[in-house]
Amino acid sequence: MARLPRLTLPGFPHHIIQRGNNRQAVFSCAADHQMLLRLLDESARKFGVALHAYVLMDNHFHLLATPSTADGLPQMMQAAGRRYVRYFNDSQGRSGTLWEGRYRATVIEAERYLLACMAYIDLNPVRAGLVAEARDYPWSSHGHYAGLRVDSLLTPHPLVWALGNTPFAREAAYASLVRAGITLEQQELLTRSALSGWALGEGDFLAELQKRTERRVTKNQAGRPTTTPKEDFPAA
């Protein structure tokens, strides 16, 4: 069976997951994290992608981003990913693949899932037991939105601006949202949709989305069932 192409649509937020091959670590030190962020920043600007959120874990990373063109997101991921592999292999004296195949991604309905996805991304290190609170983890976008530091690679989504009329109000509202957490259902939906490639949203949103692409945006209800890729790392 032919591999289903990734769903990539300009103007919509995409939740992206890239994992290390065979669960291997893709970062060995702070310089590695800084390098990938720099490469993502350069590639995002070059290919017209707005990066809204990120978290870099030991063996995988998540992004939330909105491309301005149909090719912007894959171009960004390919450019940053290839350059990072060359850097990492040279620094570690290794060769061969680093990533577990192609990145996974799908479109999410902003009004319903964007802020939940940002909290989901921020809470990865907490779920993994690396830190007690999202604010304690240095390699995520949480610090920017909670007012702890400025991250120049980030472009806040309009829904973040709508959290308050002043920077302090927005930061307080966002930090409160993350502390409240997300439901297990939201966590599972966000994980499953990104890994499977099916769009995440309500019926009207999905119907409108389908008009914009020939690629199916949801799994067929009839016929032979397809298999959803299994989540196999602890902090998705």
C-alpha atoms as a PDB file:
ATOM      1  CA  MET A   1       0.000   0.000   0.000  1.00  0.00           C
ATOM      2  CA  ALA A   2       1.329   3.432  -0.941  1.00  0.00           C
ATOM      3  CA  ARG A   3       2.395   5.616   1.955  1.00  0.00           C
ATOM      4  CA  LEU A   4      -0.090   8.352   2.729  1.00  0.00           C
ATOM      5  CA  PRO A   5       1.433  11.776   2.040  1.00  0.00           C
ATOM      6  CA  ARG A   6       1.645  14.155   4.976  1.00  0.00           C
ATOM      7  CA  LEU A   7      -1.188  16.622   5.344  1.00  0.00           C
ATOM      8  CA  THR A   8       0.335  20.094   4.974  1.00  0.00           C
ATOM      9  CA  LEU A   9      -1.874  23.128   4.394  1.00  0.00           C
ATOM     10  CA  PRO A  10      -0.748  26.768   4.459  1.00  0.00           C
ATOM     11  CA  GLY A  11      -2.353  29.044   7.011  1.00  0.00           C
ATOM     12  CA  PHE A  12      -3.192  26.286   9.511  1.00  0.00           C
ATOM     13  CA  PRO A  13      -1.269  25.281  12.643  1.00  0.00           C
ATOM     14  CA  HIS A  14       0.528  21.933  12.456  1.00  0.00           C
ATOM     15  CA  HIS A  15       1.641  19.739  15.356  1.00  0.00           C
ATOM     16  CA  ILE A  16       4.967  18.099  14.439  1.00  0.00           C
ATOM     17  CA  ILE A  17       6.896  15.236  16.038  1.00  0.00           C
ATOM     18  CA  GLN A  18      10.416  14.145  15.043  1.00  0.00           C
ATOM     19  CA  ARG A  19      12.011  11.205  16.851  1.00  0.00           C
ATOM     20  CA  GLY A  20      15.479   9.753  17.125  1.00  0.00           C
ATOM     21  CA  ASN A  21      16.172   6.476  15.362  1.00  0.00           C
ATOM     22  CA  ASN A  22      15.535   3.448  17.590  1.00  0.00           C
ATOM     23  CA  ARG A  23      14.790   5.804  20.499  1.00  0.00           C
ATOM     24  CA  GLN A  24      18.371   7.019  20.584  1.00  0.00           C
ATOM     25  CA  ALA A  25      19.247  10.388  22.076  1.00  0.00           C
ATOM     26  CA  VAL A  26      19.497  13.220  19.576  1.00  0.00           C
ATOM     27  CA  PHE A  27      21.014  15.724  22.015  1.00  0.00           C
ATOM     28  CA  SER A  28      24.138  15.234  24.113  1.00  0.00           C
ATOM     29  CA  CYS A  29      24.672  18.698  25.612  1.00  0.00           C
ATOM     30  CA  ALA A  30      23.288  22.227  25.753  1.00  0.00           C
ATOM     31  CA  ALA A  31      25.171  23.181  22.592  1.00  0.00           C
ATOM     32  CA  ASP A  32      23.198  20.554  20.652  1.00  0.00           C
ATOM     33  CA  HIS A  33      19.876  22.005  21.788  1.00  0.00           C
ATOM     34  CA  GLN A  34      21.048  25.483  20.903  1.00  0.00           C
ATOM     35  CA  MET A  35      22.205  24.354  17.469  1.00  0.00           C
ATOM     36  CA  LEU A  36      18.881  22.759  16.535  1.00  0.00           C
ATOM     37  CA  LEU A  37      16.972  25.824  17.689  1.00  0.00           C
ATOM     38  CA  ARG A  38      19.241  28.055  15.619  1.00  0.00           C
ATOM     39  CA  LEU A  39      18.787  25.868  12.543  1.00  0.00           C
ATOM     40  CA  LEU A  40      15.019  25.782  13.003  1.00  0.00           C
ATOM     41  CA  ASP A  41      14.968  29.556  13.374  1.00  0.00           C
ATOM     42  CA  GLU A  42      16.987  30.088  10.192  1.00  0.00           C
ATOM     43  CA  SER A  43      14.961  27.583   8.177  1.00  0.00           C
ATOM     44  CA  ALA A  44      11.614  28.853   9.453  1.00  0.00           C
ATOM     45  CA  ARG A  45      12.458  32.395   8.387  1.00  0.00           C
ATOM     46  CA  LYS A  46      13.785  31.247   5.016  1.00  0.00           C
ATOM     47  CA  PHE A  47      10.731  29.145   4.142  1.00  0.00           C
ATOM     48  CA  GLY A  48       7.998  31.312   5.664  1.00  0.00           C
ATOM     49  CA  VAL A  49       7.006  29.200   8.656  1.00  0.00           C
ATOM     50  CA  ALA A  50       5.781  30.744  11.927  1.00  0.00           C
ATOM     51  CA  LEU A  51       7.047  28.715  14.881  1.00  0.00           C
ATOM     52  CA  HIS A  52       4.596  28.992  17.771  1.00  0.00           C
ATOM     53  CA  ALA A  53       5.935  26.459  20.292  1.00  0.00           C
ATOM     54  CA  TYR A  54       8.558  23.770  20.790  1.00  0.00           C
ATOM     55  CA  VAL A  55      10.043  21.303  23.237  1.00  0.00           C
ATOM     56  CA  LEU A  56      13.324  19.438  22.771  1.00  0.00           C
ATOM     57  CA  MET A  57      13.375  16.148  24.687  1.00  0.00           C
ATOM     58  CA  ASP A  58      16.276  13.691  24.873  1.00  0.00           C
ATOM     59  CA  ASN A  59      15.200  11.508  21.959  1.00  0.00           C
ATOM     60  CA  HIS A  60      12.540  13.510  20.144  1.00  0.00           C
ATOM     61  CA  PHE A  61      11.104  16.979  19.740  1.00  0.00           C
ATOM     62  CA  HIS A  62       7.745  18.624  19.142  1.00  0.00           C
ATOM     63  CA  LEU A  63       6.907  21.782  17.222  1.00  0.00           C
ATOM     64  CA  LEU A  64       3.745  23.787  16.674  1.00  0.00           C
ATOM     65  CA  ALA A  65       4.000  25.825  13.495  1.00  0.00           C
ATOM     66  CA  THR A  66       1.989  27.505  10.752  1.00  0.00           C
ATOM     67  CA  PRO A  67       3.449  27.482   7.218  1.00  0.00           C
ATOM     68  CA  SER A  68       2.601  30.288   4.806  1.00  0.00           C
ATOM     69  CA  THR A  69       3.046  28.058   1.738  1.00  0.00           C
ATOM     70  CA  ALA A  70       2.288  24.441   0.874  1.00  0.00           C
ATOM     71  CA  ASP A  71       5.999  23.558   0.741  1.00  0.00           C
ATOM     72  CA  GLY A  72       7.255  25.684   3.612  1.00  0.00           C
ATOM     73  CA  LEU A  73       6.950  23.155   6.415  1.00  0.00           C
ATOM     74  CA  PRO A  74       8.625  20.191   4.662  1.00  0.00           C
ATOM     75  CA  GLN A  75      11.340  22.500   3.343  1.00  0.00           C
ATOM     76  CA  MET A  76      12.003  23.822   6.843  1.00  0.00           C
ATOM     77  CA  MET A  77      12.119  20.363   8.401  1.00  0.00           C
ATOM     78  CA  GLN A  78      14.340  18.946   5.673  1.00  0.00           C
ATOM     79  CA  ALA A  79      16.805  21.824   5.761  1.00  0.00           C
ATOM     80  CA  ALA A  80      17.100  21.997   9.554  1.00  0.00           C
ATOM     81  CA  GLY A  81      17.078  18.228   9.970  1.00  0.00           C
ATOM     82  CA  ARG A  82      19.820  17.535   7.437  1.00  0.00           C
ATOM     83  CA  ARG A  83      22.095  20.268   8.752  1.00  0.00           C
ATOM     84  CA  TYR A  84      21.596  19.090  12.322  1.00  0.00           C
ATOM     85  CA  VAL A  85      22.465  15.484  11.436  1.00  0.00           C
ATOM     86  CA  ARG A  86      25.717  16.628   9.827  1.00  0.00           C
ATOM     87  CA  TYR A  87      26.534  18.730  12.885  1.00  0.00           C
ATOM     88  CA  PHE A  88      25.655  15.981  15.370  1.00  0.00           C
ATOM     89  CA  ASN A  89      27.523  13.240  13.507  1.00  0.00           C
ATOM     90  CA  ASP A  90      30.630  15.409  13.221  1.00  0.00           C
ATOM     91  CA  SER A  91      30.529  16.397  16.906  1.00  0.00           C
ATOM     92  CA  GLN A  92      29.965  12.815  18.074  1.00  0.00           C
ATOM     93  CA  GLY A  93      32.324  11.120  15.630  1.00  0.00           C
ATOM     94  CA  ARG A  94      29.510   8.999  14.259  1.00  0.00           C
ATOM     95  CA  SER A  95      27.864   8.362  10.900  1.00  0.00           C
ATOM     96  CA  GLY A  96      24.536   7.228   9.555  1.00  0.00           C
ATOM     97  CA  THR A  97      20.952   8.122  10.258  1.00  0.00           C
ATOM     98  CA  LEU A  98      19.819  10.027  13.322  1.00  0.00           C
ATOM     99  CA  TRP A  99      16.077  10.406  12.770  1.00  0.00           C
ATOM    100  CA  GLU A 100      13.474   7.659  12.846  1.00  0.00           C
ATOM    101  CA  GLY A 101      12.250   8.098   9.288  1.00  0.00           C
ATOM    102  CA  ARG A 102      10.298  11.155   8.265  1.00  0.00           C
ATOM    103  CA  TYR A 103       8.773  13.531  10.754  1.00  0.00           C
ATOM    104  CA  ARG A 104       5.114  13.121  11.728  1.00  0.00           C
ATOM    105  CA  ALA A 105       2.701  16.029  11.522  1.00  0.00           C
ATOM    106  CA  THR A 106      -0.873  17.051  11.002  1.00  0.00           C
ATOM    107  CA  VAL A 107      -3.209  20.032  10.994  1.00  0.00           C
ATOM    108  CA  ILE A 108      -5.114  20.996  14.152  1.00  0.00           C
ATOM    109  CA  GLU A 109      -8.150  23.222  14.587  1.00  0.00           C
ATOM    110  CA  ALA A 110      -6.722  26.334  16.222  1.00  0.00           C
ATOM    111  CA  GLU A 111      -9.790  27.529  18.116  1.00  0.00           C
ATOM    112  CA  ARG A 112     -10.296  24.171  19.802  1.00  0.00           C
ATOM    113  CA  TYR A 113      -6.831  22.671  20.148  1.00  0.00           C
ATOM    114  CA  LEU A 114      -4.034  25.219  19.698  1.00  0.00           C
ATOM    115  CA  LEU A 115      -3.683  26.333  23.319  1.00  0.00           C
ATOM    116  CA  ALA A 116      -4.147  22.747  24.502  1.00  0.00           C
ATOM    117  CA  CYS A 117      -1.380  21.688  22.106  1.00  0.00           C
ATOM    118  CA  MET A 118       0.936  24.368  23.491  1.00  0.00           C
ATOM    119  CA  ALA A 119       0.273  23.146  27.036  1.00  0.00           C
ATOM    120  CA  TYR A 120       0.759  19.548  25.876  1.00  0.00           C
ATOM    121  CA  ILE A 121       4.148  20.498  24.425  1.00  0.00           C
ATOM    122  CA  ASP A 122       5.191  22.420  27.560  1.00  0.00           C
ATOM    123  CA  LEU A 123       4.192  19.543  29.846  1.00  0.00           C
ATOM    124  CA  ASN A 124       6.272  16.894  28.048  1.00  0.00           C
ATOM    125  CA  PRO A 125       9.198  17.233  30.481  1.00  0.00           C
ATOM    126  CA  VAL A 126       6.807  17.087  33.439  1.00  0.00           C
ATOM    127  CA  ARG A 127       5.167  13.900  32.161  1.00  0.00           C
ATOM    128  CA  ALA A 128       8.636  12.417  31.626  1.00  0.00           C
ATOM    129  CA  GLY A 129       9.609  13.190  35.226  1.00  0.00           C
ATOM    130  CA  LEU A 130      12.448  15.499  34.213  1.00  0.00           C
ATOM    131  CA  VAL A 131      11.115  18.532  36.081  1.00  0.00           C
ATOM    132  CA  ALA A 132       8.369  19.289  38.566  1.00  0.00           C
ATOM    133  CA  GLU A 133       6.975  22.260  36.621  1.00  0.00           C
ATOM    134  CA  ALA A 134       7.068  23.321  32.981  1.00  0.00           C
ATOM    135  CA  ARG A 135       8.850  26.548  33.936  1.00  0.00           C
ATOM    136  CA  ASP A 136      11.848  24.534  35.169  1.00  0.00           C
ATOM    137  CA  TYR A 137      12.684  23.018  31.775  1.00  0.00           C
ATOM    138  CA  PRO A 138      15.064  25.157  29.684  1.00  0.00           C
ATOM    139  CA  TRP A 139      14.463  23.608  26.245  1.00  0.00           C
ATOM    140  CA  SER A 140      10.859  24.523  25.599  1.00  0.00           C
ATOM    141  CA  SER A 141       8.969  27.633  24.579  1.00  0.00           C
ATOM    142  CA  HIS A 142       7.186  27.807  27.934  1.00  0.00           C
ATOM    143  CA  GLY A 143       9.647  30.318  29.382  1.00  0.00           C
ATOM    144  CA  HIS A 144       8.876  32.781  26.594  1.00  0.00           C
ATOM    145  CA  TYR A 145       5.120  32.695  27.072  1.00  0.00           C
ATOM    146  CA  ALA A 146       5.351  32.690  30.866  1.00  0.00           C
ATOM    147  CA  GLY A 147       7.498  35.844  30.807  1.00  0.00           C
ATOM    148  CA  LEU A 148      10.721  34.191  31.993  1.00  0.00           C
ATOM    149  CA  ARG A 149      12.800  34.952  28.889  1.00  0.00           C
ATOM    150  CA  VAL A 150      12.522  36.174  25.299  1.00  0.00           C
ATOM    151  CA  ASP A 151      12.717  33.616  22.481  1.00  0.00           C
ATOM    152  CA  SER A 152      13.221  35.417  19.182  1.00  0.00           C
ATOM    153  CA  LEU A 153      12.457  32.372  17.045  1.00  0.00           C
ATOM    154  CA  LEU A 154       8.840  32.277  18.255  1.00  0.00           C
ATOM    155  CA  THR A 155       5.838  33.889  16.582  1.00  0.00           C
ATOM    156  CA  PRO A 156       2.874  33.976  18.977  1.00  0.00           C
ATOM    157  CA  HIS A 157      -0.395  32.802  17.455  1.00  0.00           C
ATOM    158  CA  PRO A 158      -3.293  35.317  17.559  1.00  0.00           C
ATOM    159  CA  LEU A 159      -5.015  33.118  20.166  1.00  0.00           C
ATOM    160  CA  VAL A 160      -2.103  33.783  22.515  1.00  0.00           C
ATOM    161  CA  TRP A 161      -2.453  37.534  22.022  1.00  0.00           C
ATOM    162  CA  ALA A 162      -6.132  37.148  22.895  1.00  0.00           C
ATOM    163  CA  LEU A 163      -5.259  35.834  26.377  1.00  0.00           C
ATOM    164  CA  GLY A 164      -4.837  39.370  27.744  1.00  0.00           C
ATOM    165  CA  ASN A 165      -4.543  43.057  26.917  1.00  0.00           C
ATOM    166  CA  THR A 166      -1.029  43.454  28.332  1.00  0.00           C
ATOM    167  CA  PRO A 167       2.097  41.283  28.249  1.00  0.00           C
ATOM    168  CA  PHE A 168       1.780  40.630  31.984  1.00  0.00           C
ATOM    169  CA  ALA A 169      -1.855  39.566  31.643  1.00  0.00           C
ATOM    170  CA  ARG A 170      -1.060  37.241  28.750  1.00  0.00           C
ATOM    171  CA  GLU A 171       1.891  35.704  30.574  1.00  0.00           C
ATOM    172  CA  ALA A 172      -0.125  35.150  33.737  1.00  0.00           C
ATOM    173  CA  ALA A 173      -3.031  33.657  31.812  1.00  0.00           C
ATOM    174  CA  TYR A 174      -0.788  31.339  29.848  1.00  0.00           C
ATOM    175  CA  ALA A 175       1.145  30.155  32.898  1.00  0.00           C
ATOM    176  CA  SER A 176      -2.169  29.459  34.639  1.00  0.00           C
ATOM    177  CA  LEU A 177      -3.417  27.510  31.617  1.00  0.00           C
ATOM    178  CA  VAL A 178      -0.339  25.265  31.659  1.00  0.00           C
ATOM    179  CA  ARG A 179      -0.513  24.739  35.423  1.00  0.00           C
ATOM    180  CA  ALA A 180      -4.118  23.594  35.016  1.00  0.00           C
ATOM    181  CA  GLY A 181      -2.897  20.999  32.518  1.00  0.00           C
ATOM    182  CA  ILE A 182      -4.835  19.148  29.859  1.00  0.00           C
ATOM    183  CA  THR A 183      -7.106  16.148  30.041  1.00  0.00           C
ATOM    184  CA  LEU A 184      -5.970  12.630  29.234  1.00  0.00           C
ATOM    185  CA  GLU A 185      -8.378  12.691  26.291  1.00  0.00           C
ATOM    186  CA  GLN A 186      -6.758  15.835  24.880  1.00  0.00           C
ATOM    187  CA  GLN A 187      -3.307  14.323  25.354  1.00  0.00           C
ATOM    188  CA  GLU A 188      -4.285  11.150  23.517  1.00  0.00           C
ATOM    189  CA  LEU A 189      -6.001  13.040  20.705  1.00  0.00           C
ATOM    190  CA  LEU A 190      -3.008  15.293  20.130  1.00  0.00           C
ATOM    191  CA  THR A 191      -0.583  12.373  20.147  1.00  0.00           C
ATOM    192  CA  ARG A 192      -2.690  10.137  17.923  1.00  0.00           C
ATOM    193  CA  SER A 193      -3.459  12.808  15.350  1.00  0.00           C
ATOM    194  CA  ALA A 194       0.179  13.797  14.855  1.00  0.00           C
ATOM    195  CA  LEU A 195       1.402  10.209  14.617  1.00  0.00           C
ATOM    196  CA  SER A 196      -1.382   9.064  12.301  1.00  0.00           C
ATOM    197  CA  GLY A 197      -1.483  12.193  10.141  1.00  0.00           C
ATOM    198  CA  TRP A 198      -5.261  12.654  10.414  1.00  0.00           C
ATOM    199  CA  ALA A 199      -6.406  16.219  11.041  1.00  0.00           C
ATOM    200  CA  LEU A 200      -7.681  17.081  14.505  1.00  0.00           C
ATOM    201  CA  GLY A 201     -10.843  19.154  14.789  1.00  0.00           C
ATOM    202  CA  GLU A 202     -14.623  19.211  14.821  1.00  0.00           C
ATOM    203  CA  GLY A 203     -16.831  18.110  11.953  1.00  0.00           C
ATOM    204  CA  ASP A 204     -17.348  21.519  10.331  1.00  0.00           C
ATOM    205  CA  PHE A 205     -13.632  22.255  10.451  1.00  0.00           C
ATOM    206  CA  LEU A 206     -12.722  18.898   8.932  1.00  0.00           C
ATOM    207  CA  ALA A 207     -15.309  19.291   6.173  1.00  0.00           C
ATOM    208  CA  GLU A 208     -13.964  22.722   5.271  1.00  0.00           C
ATOM    209  CA  LEU A 209     -10.405  21.409   5.408  1.00  0.00           C
ATOM    210  CA  GLN A 210     -11.261  18.594   3.002  1.00  0.00           C
ATOM    211  CA  LYS A 211     -12.318  21.138   0.378  1.00  0.00           C
ATOM    212  CA  ARG A 212      -8.753  22.476   0.332  1.00  0.00           C
ATOM    213  CA  THR A 213      -6.931  19.234  -0.459  1.00  0.00           C
ATOM    214  CA  GLU A 214      -7.296  16.036  -2.448  1.00  0.00           C
ATOM    215  CA  ARG A 215      -5.589  14.119   0.340  1.00  0.00           C
ATOM    216  CA  ARG A 216      -8.033  12.656   2.869  1.00  0.00           C
ATOM    217  CA  VAL A 217      -7.995  14.535   6.157  1.00  0.00           C
ATOM    218  CA  THR A 218      -9.730  11.836   8.246  1.00  0.00           C
ATOM    219  CA  LYS A 219      -9.638   8.057   8.318  1.00  0.00           C
ATOM    220  CA  ASN A 220     -12.282   6.339   6.226  1.00  0.00           C
ATOM    221  CA  GLN A 221     -15.158   4.958   8.233  1.00  0.00           C
ATOM    222  CA  ALA A 222     -15.882   2.179   5.739  1.00  0.00           C
ATOM    223  CA  GLY A 223     -13.701  -0.493   4.208  1.00  0.00           C
ATOM    224  CA  ARG A 224     -10.563  -2.083   5.552  1.00  0.00           C
ATOM    225  CA  PRO A 225      -9.388  -0.349   8.741  1.00  0.00           C
ATOM    226  CA  THR A 226      -6.022   1.345   8.811  1.00  0.00           C
ATOM    227  CA  THR A 227      -3.555   1.059  11.663  1.00  0.00           C
ATOM    228  CA  THR A 228      -2.730   4.097  13.765  1.00  0.00           C
ATOM    229  CA  PRO A 229       0.998   4.263  14.540  1.00  0.00           C
ATOM    230  CA  LYS A 230       1.604   3.269  18.125  1.00  0.00           C
ATOM    231  CA  GLU A 231       3.024   5.783  20.578  1.00  0.00           C
ATOM    232  CA  ASP A 232       6.289   4.328  21.808  1.00  0.00           C
ATOM    233  CA  PHE A 233       8.009   6.987  23.824  1.00  0.00           C
ATOM    234  CA  PRO A 234       6.887   7.939  27.331  1.00  0.00           C
ATOM    235  CA  ALA A 235       6.499  11.698  26.977  1.00  0.00           C
ATOM    236  CA  ALA A 236       4.692  12.393  23.718  1.00  0.00           C
END
